[in-house]
Amino acid sequence: SGQVRGLCGTFNGDQRDEFTTPAGDVEPGGAAFANAFRAAGACPALGPGIPDPCDGFPGSRERAEAACAVLMGPAFQ
């Protein structure tokens, strides 16, 4: 707790700073936050609405939910 930052947030109990960019700015929304971590030229910038990544890959939602269940378990409480 309090020792991480980046795309996974800060994990310090303060949700107001979860979208802290590498430059130290706090973005108000997910798209601007994600774009701050984007490698220039590697992929297009996200627009204001973030697409659901599971929509293009059948079965991925179930696999993602199973994998993320570990994060919701006792090890991270």
C-alpha atoms as a PDB file:
ATOM      1  CA  SER A   1       0.000   0.000   0.000  1.00  0.00           C
ATOM      2  CA  GLY A   2       1.258   3.455  -0.902  1.00  0.00           C
ATOM      3  CA  GLN A   3       4.212   2.101  -2.896  1.00  0.00           C
ATOM      4  CA  VAL A   4       2.711   1.716  -6.371  1.00  0.00           C
ATOM      5  CA  ARG A   5       1.639   4.029  -9.154  1.00  0.00           C
ATOM      6  CA  GLY A   6       0.779   3.806 -12.822  1.00  0.00           C
ATOM      7  CA  LEU A   7      -2.007   2.106 -14.722  1.00  0.00           C
ATOM      8  CA  CYS A   8      -3.008   0.132 -11.626  1.00  0.00           C
ATOM      9  CA  GLY A   9      -3.459   3.292  -9.542  1.00  0.00           C
ATOM     10  CA  THR A  10      -1.760   4.408  -6.358  1.00  0.00           C
ATOM     11  CA  PHE A  11      -3.323   1.993  -3.838  1.00  0.00           C
ATOM     12  CA  ASN A  12      -3.116   4.565  -1.039  1.00  0.00           C
ATOM     13  CA  GLY A  13      -6.793   4.763  -0.098  1.00  0.00           C
ATOM     14  CA  ASP A  14      -7.313   8.118  -1.835  1.00  0.00           C
ATOM     15  CA  GLN A  15      -9.366   7.591  -4.993  1.00  0.00           C
ATOM     16  CA  ARG A  16      -8.838  11.199  -6.069  1.00  0.00           C
ATOM     17  CA  ASP A  17      -5.270  10.442  -7.230  1.00  0.00           C
ATOM     18  CA  GLU A  18      -5.855   7.105  -8.997  1.00  0.00           C
ATOM     19  CA  PHE A  19      -5.365   8.688 -12.433  1.00  0.00           C
ATOM     20  CA  THR A  20      -1.893  10.128 -11.731  1.00  0.00           C
ATOM     21  CA  THR A  21       0.169  10.273 -14.948  1.00  0.00           C
ATOM     22  CA  PRO A  22       3.917   9.612 -15.255  1.00  0.00           C
ATOM     23  CA  ALA A  23       4.381  13.409 -15.222  1.00  0.00           C
ATOM     24  CA  GLY A  24       2.577  13.638 -11.870  1.00  0.00           C
ATOM     25  CA  ASP A  25      -0.616  15.219 -13.218  1.00  0.00           C
ATOM     26  CA  VAL A  26      -3.989  13.854 -12.110  1.00  0.00           C
ATOM     27  CA  GLU A  27      -6.307  13.328 -15.068  1.00  0.00           C
ATOM     28  CA  PRO A  28     -10.084  13.582 -14.568  1.00  0.00           C
ATOM     29  CA  GLY A  29     -10.958  10.739 -16.965  1.00  0.00           C
ATOM     30  CA  GLY A  30      -9.762   7.359 -18.090  1.00  0.00           C
ATOM     31  CA  ALA A  31      -9.001   8.218 -21.726  1.00  0.00           C
ATOM     32  CA  ALA A  32      -6.615  11.085 -20.947  1.00  0.00           C
ATOM     33  CA  PHE A  33      -4.976   8.968 -18.236  1.00  0.00           C
ATOM     34  CA  ALA A  34      -4.464   6.000 -20.574  1.00  0.00           C
ATOM     35  CA  ASN A  35      -3.133   8.263 -23.324  1.00  0.00           C
ATOM     36  CA  ALA A  36      -0.473   9.562 -20.916  1.00  0.00           C
ATOM     37  CA  PHE A  37       1.017   6.046 -20.827  1.00  0.00           C
ATOM     38  CA  ARG A  38       0.732   5.466 -24.594  1.00  0.00           C
ATOM     39  CA  ALA A  39       3.975   4.970 -26.492  1.00  0.00           C
ATOM     40  CA  ALA A  40       4.068   7.627 -29.217  1.00  0.00           C
ATOM     41  CA  GLY A  41       3.217   6.139 -32.586  1.00  0.00           C
ATOM     42  CA  ALA A  42       2.559   2.666 -31.180  1.00  0.00           C
ATOM     43  CA  CYS A  43      -1.232   2.943 -31.283  1.00  0.00           C
ATOM     44  CA  PRO A  44      -3.898   5.579 -31.820  1.00  0.00           C
ATOM     45  CA  ALA A  45      -4.900   7.796 -28.931  1.00  0.00           C
ATOM     46  CA  LEU A  46      -8.137   6.954 -27.158  1.00  0.00           C
ATOM     47  CA  GLY A  47     -11.117   9.220 -27.662  1.00  0.00           C
ATOM     48  CA  PRO A  48     -13.350  10.444 -24.848  1.00  0.00           C
ATOM     49  CA  GLY A  49     -15.188   7.118 -24.641  1.00  0.00           C
ATOM     50  CA  ILE A  50     -13.076   4.057 -23.892  1.00  0.00           C
ATOM     51  CA  PRO A  51     -14.231   1.038 -25.916  1.00  0.00           C
ATOM     52  CA  ASP A  52     -14.961  -2.205 -24.109  1.00  0.00           C
ATOM     53  CA  PRO A  53     -11.931  -4.418 -24.883  1.00  0.00           C
ATOM     54  CA  CYS A  54     -14.009  -7.584 -24.578  1.00  0.00           C
ATOM     55  CA  ASP A  55     -16.369  -6.656 -27.426  1.00  0.00           C
ATOM     56  CA  GLY A  56     -13.918  -7.708 -30.140  1.00  0.00           C
ATOM     57  CA  PHE A  57     -12.844 -11.003 -28.616  1.00  0.00           C
ATOM     58  CA  PRO A  58     -15.471 -13.683 -27.950  1.00  0.00           C
ATOM     59  CA  GLY A  59     -14.991 -15.389 -24.588  1.00  0.00           C
ATOM     60  CA  SER A  60     -12.488 -12.851 -23.322  1.00  0.00           C
ATOM     61  CA  ARG A  61     -14.857 -11.336 -20.750  1.00  0.00           C
ATOM     62  CA  GLU A  62     -15.147 -14.668 -18.922  1.00  0.00           C
ATOM     63  CA  ARG A  63     -11.367 -15.226 -18.997  1.00  0.00           C
ATOM     64  CA  ALA A  64     -10.734 -11.676 -17.781  1.00  0.00           C
ATOM     65  CA  GLU A  65     -13.238 -11.982 -14.945  1.00  0.00           C
ATOM     66  CA  ALA A  66     -11.659 -15.269 -13.827  1.00  0.00           C
ATOM     67  CA  ALA A  67      -8.166 -13.761 -13.905  1.00  0.00           C
ATOM     68  CA  CYS A  68      -9.263 -10.615 -12.072  1.00  0.00           C
ATOM     69  CA  ALA A  69     -10.982 -12.655  -9.374  1.00  0.00           C
ATOM     70  CA  VAL A  70      -7.525 -13.098  -7.857  1.00  0.00           C
ATOM     71  CA  LEU A  71      -7.318  -9.320  -7.328  1.00  0.00           C
ATOM     72  CA  MET A  72     -10.621  -9.377  -5.498  1.00  0.00           C
ATOM     73  CA  GLY A  73      -9.524 -12.248  -3.242  1.00  0.00           C
ATOM     74  CA  PRO A  74      -8.026 -12.221   0.248  1.00  0.00           C
ATOM     75  CA  ALA A  75      -4.461 -11.614  -0.937  1.00  0.00           C
ATOM     76  CA  PHE A  76      -5.376  -8.030  -1.908  1.00  0.00           C
ATOM     77  CA  GLN A  77      -7.815  -7.152   0.865  1.00  0.00           C
END
